[in-house]
Amino acid sequence: MLPPQRETLMSTICYNLISFLGNAKVKTQVINWAISLETLTSNGADSDDTQIIKRLFYPDVTDTESIDIGCRKIKWDTLSLTPEPDELSLQTSWNRPKFLEERMACLLYKFDKNVVVRNLFNLDDGTWGVAYTAAENSTAAYSQSTSVEHEDDSDDMEHKLAEAERELLCDYFLDDMPHLTKVIRRHLKHIEVD
């Protein structure tokens, strides 16, 4: 008699479209990151390798040291989503790369003290979400996120997420970071913030 088969856990895939609300220096740096990611993955490096992310965003961490990016695996991905030249598209396992978003905000802080990292993400389980991250200084960041789940009787996920995003911004993120209100208004004109 054969032993019972163990169920294999399949990871949830999270698709992340990360945009950066900041000045021209921020946009230039993000474009340089995208070019570096493209170069590293096209030169035979494994795009599913956290080492690429480590080399680019954590240059002070040695190859033997581990990093926590907030998810299990990460992959540079321009096929699932279509990012603009100053956006990053990443595919992760289980959830969004929260700690990498915080790291990006801290790295960009030297170019723009009011930079905001916005991650519009969706999971293959039907969850849609958005996260906002801002650097408090070059080593610490503040982050808030919200998500909505697909329901059988509701096909209006975009509307639900837009309402949840506005609530997140007005009632939480900008309440704690009021100096960023002008940044949100300037870059995200479609969202009415108080």
C-alpha atoms as a PDB file:
ATOM      1  CA  MET A   1       0.000   0.000   0.000  1.00  0.00           C
ATOM      2  CA  LEU A   2       1.284   3.462  -0.934  1.00  0.00           C
ATOM      3  CA  PRO A   3       1.613   6.173   1.710  1.00  0.00           C
ATOM      4  CA  PRO A   4      -0.998   8.939   1.568  1.00  0.00           C
ATOM      5  CA  GLN A   5      -0.060  11.798  -0.746  1.00  0.00           C
ATOM      6  CA  ARG A   6       0.722  15.089   0.906  1.00  0.00           C
ATOM      7  CA  GLU A   7      -0.980  18.103  -0.532  1.00  0.00           C
ATOM      8  CA  THR A   8       1.400  20.506  -2.193  1.00  0.00           C
ATOM      9  CA  LEU A   9       0.883  24.090  -1.124  1.00  0.00           C
ATOM     10  CA  MET A  10       0.647  26.397  -4.091  1.00  0.00           C
ATOM     11  CA  SER A  11       1.791  29.917  -3.446  1.00  0.00           C
ATOM     12  CA  THR A  12      -0.436  32.847  -4.201  1.00  0.00           C
ATOM     13  CA  ILE A  13       1.019  35.071  -6.908  1.00  0.00           C
ATOM     14  CA  CYS A  14       0.934  38.818  -6.309  1.00  0.00           C
ATOM     15  CA  TYR A  15       1.284  41.215  -9.253  1.00  0.00           C
ATOM     16  CA  ASN A  16       2.721  44.580  -8.188  1.00  0.00           C
ATOM     17  CA  LEU A  17       2.714  47.771 -10.243  1.00  0.00           C
ATOM     18  CA  ILE A  18       4.832  50.210  -8.263  1.00  0.00           C
ATOM     19  CA  SER A  19       4.775  53.909  -9.086  1.00  0.00           C
ATOM     20  CA  PHE A  20       6.758  56.704  -7.491  1.00  0.00           C
ATOM     21  CA  LEU A  21       5.300  60.111  -6.697  1.00  0.00           C
ATOM     22  CA  GLY A  22       8.263  62.435  -6.650  1.00  0.00           C
ATOM     23  CA  ASN A  23      10.430  64.918  -8.478  1.00  0.00           C
ATOM     24  CA  ALA A  24      12.476  64.490 -11.674  1.00  0.00           C
ATOM     25  CA  LYS A  25      15.453  63.019  -9.772  1.00  0.00           C
ATOM     26  CA  VAL A  26      13.189  60.297  -8.365  1.00  0.00           C
ATOM     27  CA  LYS A  27      11.872  59.467 -11.842  1.00  0.00           C
ATOM     28  CA  THR A  28      15.426  59.290 -13.214  1.00  0.00           C
ATOM     29  CA  GLN A  29      16.501  56.930 -10.419  1.00  0.00           C
ATOM     30  CA  VAL A  30      13.498  54.654 -10.983  1.00  0.00           C
ATOM     31  CA  ILE A  31      14.200  54.544 -14.721  1.00  0.00           C
ATOM     32  CA  ASN A  32      17.801  53.575 -13.899  1.00  0.00           C
ATOM     33  CA  TRP A  33      16.509  50.804 -11.598  1.00  0.00           C
ATOM     34  CA  ALA A  34      14.246  49.505 -14.371  1.00  0.00           C
ATOM     35  CA  ILE A  35      17.135  49.523 -16.852  1.00  0.00           C
ATOM     36  CA  SER A  36      19.340  47.683 -14.340  1.00  0.00           C
ATOM     37  CA  LEU A  37      16.637  45.083 -13.683  1.00  0.00           C
ATOM     38  CA  GLU A  38      16.151  44.581 -17.413  1.00  0.00           C
ATOM     39  CA  THR A  39      19.905  44.285 -17.981  1.00  0.00           C
ATOM     40  CA  LEU A  40      20.470  41.852 -15.126  1.00  0.00           C
ATOM     41  CA  THR A  41      17.601  39.581 -16.175  1.00  0.00           C
ATOM     42  CA  SER A  42      18.426  39.678 -19.887  1.00  0.00           C
ATOM     43  CA  ASN A  43      22.078  38.831 -19.239  1.00  0.00           C
ATOM     44  CA  GLY A  44      21.165  35.373 -18.010  1.00  0.00           C
ATOM     45  CA  ALA A  45      20.596  36.157 -14.362  1.00  0.00           C
ATOM     46  CA  ASP A  46      17.592  34.347 -12.927  1.00  0.00           C
ATOM     47  CA  SER A  47      14.774  36.890 -12.782  1.00  0.00           C
ATOM     48  CA  ASP A  48      13.284  34.864  -9.903  1.00  0.00           C
ATOM     49  CA  ASP A  49      16.401  35.424  -7.864  1.00  0.00           C
ATOM     50  CA  THR A  50      16.321  37.639  -4.807  1.00  0.00           C
ATOM     51  CA  GLN A  51      20.039  38.225  -5.385  1.00  0.00           C
ATOM     52  CA  ILE A  52      19.184  40.655  -8.215  1.00  0.00           C
ATOM     53  CA  ILE A  53      17.006  42.677  -5.848  1.00  0.00           C
ATOM     54  CA  LYS A  54      19.681  42.468  -3.174  1.00  0.00           C
ATOM     55  CA  ARG A  55      22.399  43.747  -5.536  1.00  0.00           C
ATOM     56  CA  LEU A  56      20.274  46.639  -6.727  1.00  0.00           C
ATOM     57  CA  PHE A  57      18.479  47.809  -3.582  1.00  0.00           C
ATOM     58  CA  TYR A  58      20.696  46.455  -0.781  1.00  0.00           C
ATOM     59  CA  PRO A  59      24.264  46.932  -2.064  1.00  0.00           C
ATOM     60  CA  ASP A  60      25.587  47.141   1.504  1.00  0.00           C
ATOM     61  CA  VAL A  61      24.318  43.614   2.322  1.00  0.00           C
ATOM     62  CA  THR A  62      26.707  40.751   1.550  1.00  0.00           C
ATOM     63  CA  ASP A  63      25.691  37.743  -0.567  1.00  0.00           C
ATOM     64  CA  THR A  64      25.637  35.509   2.516  1.00  0.00           C
ATOM     65  CA  GLU A  65      23.343  37.801   4.516  1.00  0.00           C
ATOM     66  CA  SER A  66      19.606  37.334   4.147  1.00  0.00           C
ATOM     67  CA  ILE A  67      17.119  40.146   3.611  1.00  0.00           C
ATOM     68  CA  ASP A  68      13.406  40.346   4.334  1.00  0.00           C
ATOM     69  CA  ILE A  69      11.568  41.996   1.456  1.00  0.00           C
ATOM     70  CA  GLY A  70       8.109  41.163   2.818  1.00  0.00           C
ATOM     71  CA  CYS A  71       7.350  38.210   0.543  1.00  0.00           C
ATOM     72  CA  ARG A  72       8.806  34.804  -0.302  1.00  0.00           C
ATOM     73  CA  LYS A  73       9.985  35.181  -3.892  1.00  0.00           C
ATOM     74  CA  ILE A  74      10.301  38.131  -6.202  1.00  0.00           C
ATOM     75  CA  LYS A  75      10.639  38.419  -9.946  1.00  0.00           C
ATOM     76  CA  TRP A  76      11.052  41.346 -12.362  1.00  0.00           C
ATOM     77  CA  ASP A  77       7.977  41.102 -14.551  1.00  0.00           C
ATOM     78  CA  THR A  78       7.096  43.269 -17.543  1.00  0.00           C
ATOM     79  CA  LEU A  79       4.831  40.716 -19.224  1.00  0.00           C
ATOM     80  CA  SER A  80       1.943  40.464 -16.737  1.00  0.00           C
ATOM     81  CA  LEU A  81       1.587  44.218 -16.287  1.00  0.00           C
ATOM     82  CA  THR A  82       2.689  47.050 -18.545  1.00  0.00           C
ATOM     83  CA  PRO A  83       4.657  49.544 -16.505  1.00  0.00           C
ATOM     84  CA  GLU A  84       5.535  53.036 -17.658  1.00  0.00           C
ATOM     85  CA  PRO A  85       9.289  53.714 -17.931  1.00  0.00           C
ATOM     86  CA  ASP A  86       9.280  55.233 -14.412  1.00  0.00           C
ATOM     87  CA  GLU A  87       7.337  52.361 -12.796  1.00  0.00           C
ATOM     88  CA  LEU A  88       8.402  48.905 -11.654  1.00  0.00           C
ATOM     89  CA  SER A  89       6.421  45.732 -12.241  1.00  0.00           C
ATOM     90  CA  LEU A  90       7.225  42.862  -9.894  1.00  0.00           C
ATOM     91  CA  GLN A  91       5.725  39.436  -9.350  1.00  0.00           C
ATOM     92  CA  THR A  92       5.952  38.112  -5.801  1.00  0.00           C
ATOM     93  CA  SER A  93       4.820  35.046  -3.868  1.00  0.00           C
ATOM     94  CA  TRP A  94       2.184  35.181  -1.120  1.00  0.00           C
ATOM     95  CA  ASN A  95       1.927  38.976  -0.738  1.00  0.00           C
ATOM     96  CA  ARG A  96       3.311  42.370  -1.731  1.00  0.00           C
ATOM     97  CA  PRO A  97       6.979  43.252  -1.042  1.00  0.00           C
ATOM     98  CA  LYS A  98       6.236  45.646   1.837  1.00  0.00           C
ATOM     99  CA  PHE A  99       9.783  45.889   3.165  1.00  0.00           C
ATOM    100  CA  LEU A 100      11.208  46.409  -0.321  1.00  0.00           C
ATOM    101  CA  GLU A 101       8.711  49.255  -0.848  1.00  0.00           C
ATOM    102  CA  GLU A 102       9.976  50.798   2.394  1.00  0.00           C
ATOM    103  CA  ARG A 103      13.589  50.350   1.282  1.00  0.00           C
ATOM    104  CA  MET A 104      12.849  52.038  -2.069  1.00  0.00           C
ATOM    105  CA  ALA A 105      11.234  55.003  -0.291  1.00  0.00           C
ATOM    106  CA  CYS A 106      14.272  55.360   1.986  1.00  0.00           C
ATOM    107  CA  LEU A 107      16.691  55.180  -0.954  1.00  0.00           C
ATOM    108  CA  LEU A 108      14.697  57.840  -2.827  1.00  0.00           C
ATOM    109  CA  TYR A 109      14.525  60.108   0.239  1.00  0.00           C
ATOM    110  CA  LYS A 110      17.911  61.622  -0.681  1.00  0.00           C
ATOM    111  CA  PHE A 111      16.385  62.871  -3.964  1.00  0.00           C
ATOM    112  CA  ASP A 112      13.015  64.009  -2.608  1.00  0.00           C
ATOM    113  CA  LYS A 113      12.099  64.220   1.084  1.00  0.00           C
ATOM    114  CA  ASN A 114       8.385  63.930   0.134  1.00  0.00           C
ATOM    115  CA  VAL A 115       8.566  60.920  -2.179  1.00  0.00           C
ATOM    116  CA  VAL A 116       5.662  58.468  -1.979  1.00  0.00           C
ATOM    117  CA  VAL A 117       5.789  54.886  -3.233  1.00  0.00           C
ATOM    118  CA  ARG A 118       2.415  53.573  -4.453  1.00  0.00           C
ATOM    119  CA  ASN A 119       1.917  49.866  -5.109  1.00  0.00           C
ATOM    120  CA  LEU A 120      -1.224  48.863  -6.974  1.00  0.00           C
ATOM    121  CA  PHE A 121      -1.326  45.092  -6.507  1.00  0.00           C
ATOM    122  CA  ASN A 122      -3.569  42.116  -7.113  1.00  0.00           C
ATOM    123  CA  LEU A 123      -3.339  38.515  -6.031  1.00  0.00           C
ATOM    124  CA  ASP A 124      -4.443  35.559  -8.096  1.00  0.00           C
ATOM    125  CA  ASP A 125      -6.962  34.691  -5.358  1.00  0.00           C
ATOM    126  CA  GLY A 126      -9.067  37.689  -6.463  1.00  0.00           C
ATOM    127  CA  THR A 127      -7.799  40.247  -3.951  1.00  0.00           C
ATOM    128  CA  TRP A 128      -6.989  43.749  -5.224  1.00  0.00           C
ATOM    129  CA  GLY A 129      -5.112  46.287  -3.137  1.00  0.00           C
ATOM    130  CA  VAL A 130      -3.090  49.446  -2.926  1.00  0.00           C
ATOM    131  CA  ALA A 131      -0.263  50.431  -0.580  1.00  0.00           C
ATOM    132  CA  TYR A 132       1.333  53.785   0.132  1.00  0.00           C
ATOM    133  CA  THR A 133       4.799  54.155   1.630  1.00  0.00           C
ATOM    134  CA  ALA A 134       6.738  57.291   2.546  1.00  0.00           C
ATOM    135  CA  ALA A 135      10.210  57.645   4.006  1.00  0.00           C
ATOM    136  CA  GLU A 136      10.444  59.324   7.379  1.00  0.00           C
ATOM    137  CA  ASN A 137      14.208  59.571   6.878  1.00  0.00           C
ATOM    138  CA  SER A 138      16.872  57.593   5.024  1.00  0.00           C
ATOM    139  CA  THR A 139      16.416  54.505   7.245  1.00  0.00           C
ATOM    140  CA  ALA A 140      12.750  54.413   8.348  1.00  0.00           C
ATOM    141  CA  ALA A 141       9.500  54.452   6.410  1.00  0.00           C
ATOM    142  CA  TYR A 142       5.776  54.568   7.095  1.00  0.00           C
ATOM    143  CA  SER A 143       3.374  52.344   5.161  1.00  0.00           C
ATOM    144  CA  GLN A 144      -0.379  51.777   4.928  1.00  0.00           C
ATOM    145  CA  SER A 145      -2.333  49.420   2.681  1.00  0.00           C
ATOM    146  CA  THR A 146      -5.875  48.343   1.928  1.00  0.00           C
ATOM    147  CA  SER A 147      -7.426  45.609  -0.151  1.00  0.00           C
ATOM    148  CA  VAL A 148     -10.777  44.400  -1.418  1.00  0.00           C
ATOM    149  CA  GLU A 149     -11.795  40.863  -2.212  1.00  0.00           C
ATOM    150  CA  HIS A 150     -13.760  39.681  -5.193  1.00  0.00           C
ATOM    151  CA  GLU A 151     -17.322  38.662  -4.364  1.00  0.00           C
ATOM    152  CA  ASP A 152     -19.469  36.540  -6.670  1.00  0.00           C
ATOM    153  CA  ASP A 153     -22.225  39.168  -6.761  1.00  0.00           C
ATOM    154  CA  SER A 154     -19.906  42.126  -7.413  1.00  0.00           C
ATOM    155  CA  ASP A 155     -18.032  42.774 -10.634  1.00  0.00           C
ATOM    156  CA  ASP A 156     -17.117  46.349  -9.781  1.00  0.00           C
ATOM    157  CA  MET A 157     -13.693  45.718  -8.231  1.00  0.00           C
ATOM    158  CA  GLU A 158     -12.197  48.953  -9.586  1.00  0.00           C
ATOM    159  CA  HIS A 159     -14.913  51.030  -7.926  1.00  0.00           C
ATOM    160  CA  LYS A 160     -14.558  49.153  -4.620  1.00  0.00           C
ATOM    161  CA  LEU A 161     -10.781  49.586  -4.668  1.00  0.00           C
ATOM    162  CA  ALA A 162     -11.071  53.300  -5.534  1.00  0.00           C
ATOM    163  CA  GLU A 163     -13.352  53.830  -2.516  1.00  0.00           C
ATOM    164  CA  ALA A 164     -11.026  51.837  -0.248  1.00  0.00           C
ATOM    165  CA  GLU A 165      -8.003  53.775  -1.567  1.00  0.00           C
ATOM    166  CA  ARG A 166      -9.615  57.147  -0.916  1.00  0.00           C
ATOM    167  CA  GLU A 167     -10.565  56.057   2.611  1.00  0.00           C
ATOM    168  CA  LEU A 168      -7.020  54.808   3.223  1.00  0.00           C
ATOM    169  CA  LEU A 169      -5.526  58.100   2.078  1.00  0.00           C
ATOM    170  CA  CYS A 170      -7.950  60.453   3.833  1.00  0.00           C
ATOM    171  CA  ASP A 171      -8.547  58.583   7.082  1.00  0.00           C
ATOM    172  CA  TYR A 172      -5.150  57.001   7.712  1.00  0.00           C
ATOM    173  CA  PHE A 173      -2.136  57.751   5.519  1.00  0.00           C
ATOM    174  CA  LEU A 174      -2.545  61.528   5.158  1.00  0.00           C
ATOM    175  CA  ASP A 175      -3.868  61.809   8.705  1.00  0.00           C
ATOM    176  CA  ASP A 176      -0.468  60.536   9.876  1.00  0.00           C
ATOM    177  CA  MET A 177       1.551  62.210   7.081  1.00  0.00           C
ATOM    178  CA  PRO A 178      -0.337  65.476   6.364  1.00  0.00           C
ATOM    179  CA  HIS A 179       2.679  67.115   4.697  1.00  0.00           C
ATOM    180  CA  LEU A 180       2.204  64.684   1.769  1.00  0.00           C
ATOM    181  CA  THR A 181      -1.283  65.934   0.852  1.00  0.00           C
ATOM    182  CA  LYS A 182       0.109  68.229  -1.869  1.00  0.00           C
ATOM    183  CA  VAL A 183       2.116  65.343  -3.333  1.00  0.00           C
ATOM    184  CA  ILE A 184      -0.973  63.132  -3.579  1.00  0.00           C
ATOM    185  CA  ARG A 185      -3.057  65.947  -5.085  1.00  0.00           C
ATOM    186  CA  ARG A 186      -0.360  66.792  -7.645  1.00  0.00           C
ATOM    187  CA  HIS A 187       0.315  63.231  -8.809  1.00  0.00           C
ATOM    188  CA  LEU A 188      -3.077  61.559  -8.337  1.00  0.00           C
ATOM    189  CA  LYS A 189      -5.568  64.123  -9.550  1.00  0.00           C
ATOM    190  CA  HIS A 190      -8.290  61.475  -9.928  1.00  0.00           C
ATOM    191  CA  ILE A 191      -8.399  60.958  -6.144  1.00  0.00           C
ATOM    192  CA  GLU A 192     -10.162  63.640  -4.143  1.00  0.00           C
ATOM    193  CA  VAL A 193      -8.384  64.124  -0.842  1.00  0.00           C
ATOM    194  CA  ASP A 194      -9.478  66.477   1.902  1.00  0.00           C
END
